[in-house]
Structure formats: structure tokens, C-alpha cells
Amino acid sequence: MPVWLEILLNLSGYAGFVALASHGTACPSNCADHQTSTDDR
């Protein structure tokens, strides 16, 4: 596999992970409720 292809795959995988982590698709409502409750404190 060419080096540039490996770098491209690494970057795209990292970008996808960051996008999923920042989106919070695992628990959209629970995380939102938890976030608002911690902001009120």
C-alpha cells in the first residue's frame, strides 16, 4: 500500500472519530440533559 494512501486513511479515520465524538450520537438526549444540569450548578 502506498504511503500517501496510508496517511489518507489515518487522517480520514481520525476525522471520522472526532466527528462522532463531538456529535454525541451515542446518547443525544441524555448527554444534553446532563450538560444542562451541570451548567446550572
Protein backbone atom coordinates (compact mmCIF):
# COMPACT_ATOMS: atom_id res chain seq x y z
CA MET A 1 0.00 0.00 0.00
CA PRO A 2 1.40 3.43 -0.89
CA VAL A 3 2.45 5.71 1.95
CA TRP A 4 0.14 8.53 0.85
CA LEU A 5 -2.82 6.14 0.95
CA GLU A 6 -1.99 5.05 4.49
CA ILE A 7 -1.73 8.69 5.61
CA LEU A 8 -5.03 9.50 3.93
CA LEU A 9 -6.76 6.58 5.66
CA ASN A 10 -5.30 7.58 9.02
CA LEU A 11 -6.45 11.18 8.64
CA SER A 12 -9.93 10.22 7.47
CA GLY A 13 -10.32 7.73 10.32
CA TYR A 14 -9.22 10.32 12.86
CA ALA A 15 -11.57 12.94 11.39
CA GLY A 16 -14.47 10.47 11.50
CA PHE A 17 -13.74 9.62 15.11
CA VAL A 18 -13.59 13.28 16.11
CA ALA A 19 -16.83 13.98 14.25
CA LEU A 20 -18.64 11.15 16.02
CA ALA A 21 -17.22 12.09 19.41
CA SER A 22 -18.16 15.75 19.07
CA HIS A 23 -21.63 14.91 17.74
CA GLY A 24 -22.50 12.72 20.72
CA THR A 25 -24.55 10.24 18.67
CA ALA A 26 -24.32 7.61 21.43
CA CYS A 27 -26.74 9.42 23.78
CA PRO A 28 -28.09 12.65 22.28
CA SER A 29 -30.85 13.35 24.83
CA ASN A 30 -29.10 12.02 27.94
CA CYS A 31 -25.89 13.89 27.27
CA ALA A 32 -27.82 17.09 26.53
CA ASP A 33 -29.76 16.79 29.81
CA HIS A 34 -26.57 16.09 31.74
CA GLN A 35 -24.86 19.06 30.11
CA THR A 36 -27.65 21.47 31.01
CA SER A 37 -27.82 20.22 34.59
CA THR A 38 -24.07 20.77 35.07
CA ASP A 39 -24.36 24.26 33.55
CA ASP A 40 -27.00 25.22 36.13
CA ARG A 41 -24.69 24.40 39.04
